[in-house]
Amino acid sequence: MGTAIFQQYENGFFTFLFDDGVKLDFEEIHPKALYHYDLKNDNSFVGQSFKLSFIEVFDDKDQAIYRIERLELV
């Protein structure tokens, strides 16, 4: 699990900035995590810190997609 600040949801991507300065765009979030934190519609989460775990999956064109599996507000 890493700690990151939620920056935005735009064009289908959830953008997080990690403590080490790495910015990642996530295309998917596990439905349970999204149920607890509606990052698509609730702008009050912008700028908030989260602990999150994610996986890298590959689509049928072998392109990497980052998916958040677990999300917890810090």
N, C-alpha and C. Protein backbone atom coordinates (compact mmCIF):
# COMPACT_ATOMS: atom_id res chain seq x y z
N MET A 1 0.83 -1.19 0.00
CA MET A 1 0.00 0.00 0.00
C MET A 1 0.87 1.24 0.00
N GLY A 2 0.52 2.18 -0.86
CA GLY A 2 1.22 3.44 -0.91
C GLY A 2 0.29 4.57 -0.52
N THR A 3 0.87 5.72 -0.20
CA THR A 3 0.09 6.90 0.14
C THR A 3 0.19 7.89 -1.01
N ALA A 4 -0.96 8.42 -1.41
CA ALA A 4 -1.00 9.34 -2.53
C ALA A 4 -2.12 10.35 -2.34
N ILE A 5 -1.97 11.48 -2.99
CA ILE A 5 -2.97 12.55 -2.94
C ILE A 5 -3.81 12.47 -4.22
N PHE A 6 -5.12 12.46 -4.03
CA PHE A 6 -6.02 12.45 -5.18
C PHE A 6 -6.02 13.84 -5.81
N GLN A 7 -5.74 13.90 -7.12
CA GLN A 7 -5.67 15.19 -7.79
C GLN A 7 -6.89 15.50 -8.64
N GLN A 8 -7.38 14.50 -9.37
CA GLN A 8 -8.54 14.79 -10.22
C GLN A 8 -9.10 13.52 -10.83
N TYR A 9 -10.35 13.65 -11.31
CA TYR A 9 -10.96 12.65 -12.18
C TYR A 9 -11.32 13.37 -13.46
N GLU A 10 -10.69 12.97 -14.55
CA GLU A 10 -10.91 13.65 -15.82
C GLU A 10 -10.74 12.68 -16.97
N ASN A 11 -11.65 12.74 -17.91
CA ASN A 11 -11.60 11.90 -19.11
C ASN A 11 -11.47 10.41 -18.80
N GLY A 12 -12.12 9.98 -17.71
CA GLY A 12 -12.12 8.56 -17.36
C GLY A 12 -10.92 8.10 -16.56
N PHE A 13 -10.05 9.02 -16.13
CA PHE A 13 -8.86 8.65 -15.37
C PHE A 13 -8.85 9.31 -14.00
N PHE A 14 -8.44 8.54 -13.01
CA PHE A 14 -8.27 9.02 -11.64
C PHE A 14 -6.78 9.30 -11.45
N THR A 15 -6.40 10.54 -11.17
CA THR A 15 -4.99 10.91 -11.05
C THR A 15 -4.60 11.05 -9.59
N PHE A 16 -3.51 10.36 -9.22
CA PHE A 16 -2.97 10.41 -7.87
C PHE A 16 -1.49 10.78 -7.93
N LEU A 17 -1.04 11.59 -6.97
CA LEU A 17 0.36 11.95 -6.82
C LEU A 17 0.90 11.25 -5.58
N PHE A 18 1.88 10.38 -5.77
CA PHE A 18 2.46 9.61 -4.66
C PHE A 18 3.51 10.41 -3.92
N ASP A 19 3.82 9.96 -2.70
CA ASP A 19 4.79 10.64 -1.83
C ASP A 19 6.15 10.82 -2.49
N ASP A 20 6.52 9.88 -3.37
CA ASP A 20 7.84 9.96 -4.01
C ASP A 20 7.83 10.83 -5.27
N GLY A 21 6.72 11.53 -5.53
CA GLY A 21 6.64 12.44 -6.66
C GLY A 21 6.12 11.82 -7.95
N VAL A 22 5.82 10.53 -7.93
CA VAL A 22 5.30 9.85 -9.12
C VAL A 22 3.81 10.11 -9.25
N LYS A 23 3.38 10.51 -10.44
CA LYS A 23 1.97 10.73 -10.72
C LYS A 23 1.47 9.58 -11.59
N LEU A 24 0.38 8.95 -11.16
CA LEU A 24 -0.20 7.85 -11.91
C LEU A 24 -1.66 8.13 -12.23
N ASP A 25 -2.04 7.74 -13.43
CA ASP A 25 -3.43 7.82 -13.86
C ASP A 25 -4.01 6.41 -13.82
N PHE A 26 -5.08 6.24 -13.07
CA PHE A 26 -5.74 4.95 -12.94
C PHE A 26 -7.01 4.95 -13.78
N GLU A 27 -7.16 3.90 -14.56
CA GLU A 27 -8.32 3.80 -15.42
C GLU A 27 -9.50 3.13 -14.71
N GLU A 28 -9.19 2.32 -13.70
CA GLU A 28 -10.24 1.57 -13.01
C GLU A 28 -10.04 1.62 -11.50
N ILE A 29 -11.17 1.55 -10.78
CA ILE A 29 -11.16 1.41 -9.33
C ILE A 29 -12.15 0.30 -8.99
N HIS A 30 -11.74 -0.56 -8.07
CA HIS A 30 -12.63 -1.64 -7.64
C HIS A 30 -13.95 -1.02 -7.19
N PRO A 31 -15.09 -1.61 -7.58
CA PRO A 31 -16.40 -1.04 -7.24
C PRO A 31 -16.62 -0.79 -5.75
N LYS A 32 -16.08 -1.65 -4.87
CA LYS A 32 -16.24 -1.43 -3.42
C LYS A 32 -15.55 -0.14 -2.98
N ALA A 33 -14.36 0.10 -3.51
CA ALA A 33 -13.63 1.32 -3.15
C ALA A 33 -14.36 2.55 -3.67
N LEU A 34 -14.88 2.46 -4.88
CA LEU A 34 -15.59 3.59 -5.47
C LEU A 34 -16.92 3.84 -4.75
N TYR A 35 -17.51 2.79 -4.20
CA TYR A 35 -18.74 2.93 -3.44
C TYR A 35 -18.51 3.78 -2.19
N HIS A 36 -17.38 3.56 -1.52
CA HIS A 36 -17.07 4.29 -0.29
C HIS A 36 -16.58 5.72 -0.58
N TYR A 37 -15.89 5.89 -1.68
CA TYR A 37 -15.32 7.19 -2.03
C TYR A 37 -15.69 7.49 -3.49
N ASP A 38 -16.71 8.30 -3.68
CA ASP A 38 -17.19 8.61 -5.02
C ASP A 38 -16.30 9.67 -5.67
N LEU A 39 -15.15 9.24 -6.10
CA LEU A 39 -14.17 10.16 -6.66
C LEU A 39 -14.60 10.75 -7.99
N LYS A 40 -15.54 10.11 -8.64
CA LYS A 40 -16.03 10.63 -9.93
C LYS A 40 -16.86 11.89 -9.75
N ASN A 41 -17.64 11.96 -8.69
CA ASN A 41 -18.63 13.03 -8.55
C ASN A 41 -18.43 13.95 -7.36
N ASP A 42 -17.65 13.53 -6.37
CA ASP A 42 -17.51 14.32 -5.15
C ASP A 42 -16.15 15.02 -5.13
N ASN A 43 -16.15 16.30 -5.46
CA ASN A 43 -14.89 17.06 -5.53
C ASN A 43 -14.26 17.32 -4.17
N SER A 44 -14.94 17.00 -3.09
CA SER A 44 -14.36 17.23 -1.76
C SER A 44 -13.16 16.31 -1.51
N PHE A 45 -13.00 15.27 -2.31
CA PHE A 45 -11.86 14.36 -2.15
C PHE A 45 -10.59 14.87 -2.83
N VAL A 46 -10.70 15.86 -3.69
CA VAL A 46 -9.53 16.43 -4.36
C VAL A 46 -8.62 17.03 -3.31
N GLY A 47 -7.33 16.67 -3.36
CA GLY A 47 -6.35 17.15 -2.39
C GLY A 47 -6.25 16.30 -1.14
N GLN A 48 -7.09 15.29 -1.01
CA GLN A 48 -7.07 14.40 0.15
C GLN A 48 -6.06 13.27 -0.04
N SER A 49 -5.47 12.82 1.06
CA SER A 49 -4.51 11.72 1.03
C SER A 49 -5.22 10.39 1.23
N PHE A 50 -4.79 9.41 0.46
CA PHE A 50 -5.34 8.06 0.53
C PHE A 50 -4.20 7.05 0.61
N LYS A 51 -4.47 5.97 1.32
CA LYS A 51 -3.63 4.78 1.20
C LYS A 51 -4.30 3.92 0.14
N LEU A 52 -3.51 3.46 -0.82
CA LEU A 52 -4.11 2.65 -1.86
C LEU A 52 -3.19 1.54 -2.31
N SER A 53 -3.81 0.48 -2.78
CA SER A 53 -3.06 -0.60 -3.41
C SER A 53 -3.64 -0.77 -4.80
N PHE A 54 -2.76 -1.11 -5.73
CA PHE A 54 -3.21 -1.21 -7.12
C PHE A 54 -2.47 -2.34 -7.82
N ILE A 55 -3.03 -2.72 -8.95
CA ILE A 55 -2.41 -3.75 -9.78
C ILE A 55 -2.29 -3.22 -11.20
N GLU A 56 -1.41 -3.84 -11.93
CA GLU A 56 -1.23 -3.53 -13.34
C GLU A 56 -1.78 -4.71 -14.13
N VAL A 57 -2.75 -4.45 -14.97
CA VAL A 57 -3.33 -5.51 -15.82
C VAL A 57 -3.11 -5.11 -17.27
N PHE A 58 -3.16 -6.10 -18.14
CA PHE A 58 -2.94 -5.85 -19.55
C PHE A 58 -4.19 -6.17 -20.34
N ASP A 59 -4.54 -5.27 -21.25
CA ASP A 59 -5.72 -5.50 -22.08
C ASP A 59 -5.35 -6.41 -23.24
N ASP A 60 -6.28 -6.62 -24.15
CA ASP A 60 -6.06 -7.54 -25.27
C ASP A 60 -5.02 -7.02 -26.27
N LYS A 61 -4.63 -5.76 -26.13
CA LYS A 61 -3.58 -5.18 -27.00
C LYS A 61 -2.25 -5.07 -26.25
N ASP A 62 -2.15 -5.74 -25.11
CA ASP A 62 -0.96 -5.74 -24.26
C ASP A 62 -0.59 -4.35 -23.74
N GLN A 63 -1.59 -3.49 -23.57
CA GLN A 63 -1.36 -2.19 -22.97
C GLN A 63 -1.67 -2.28 -21.48
N ALA A 64 -0.82 -1.64 -20.68
CA ALA A 64 -1.00 -1.68 -19.23
C ALA A 64 -2.14 -0.77 -18.80
N ILE A 65 -2.95 -1.29 -17.89
CA ILE A 65 -4.02 -0.52 -17.25
C ILE A 65 -3.79 -0.64 -15.75
N TYR A 66 -3.77 0.49 -15.07
CA TYR A 66 -3.60 0.48 -13.62
C TYR A 66 -4.98 0.50 -12.97
N ARG A 67 -5.20 -0.45 -12.04
CA ARG A 67 -6.49 -0.55 -11.37
C ARG A 67 -6.29 -0.51 -9.85
N ILE A 68 -7.00 0.39 -9.19
CA ILE A 68 -6.95 0.49 -7.74
C ILE A 68 -7.80 -0.63 -7.16
N GLU A 69 -7.20 -1.41 -6.30
CA GLU A 69 -7.90 -2.53 -5.67
C GLU A 69 -8.45 -2.16 -4.29
N ARG A 70 -7.73 -1.30 -3.58
CA ARG A 70 -8.11 -0.92 -2.22
C ARG A 70 -7.81 0.56 -2.01
N LEU A 71 -8.70 1.25 -1.33
CA LEU A 71 -8.59 2.68 -1.14
C LEU A 71 -9.06 3.03 0.26
N GLU A 72 -8.24 3.82 0.97
CA GLU A 72 -8.58 4.20 2.35
C GLU A 72 -8.15 5.63 2.59
N LEU A 73 -9.08 6.47 3.02
CA LEU A 73 -8.78 7.86 3.33
C LEU A 73 -7.87 7.93 4.54
N VAL A 74 -6.84 8.74 4.46
CA VAL A 74 -5.87 8.87 5.57
C VAL A 74 -6.32 9.99 6.49
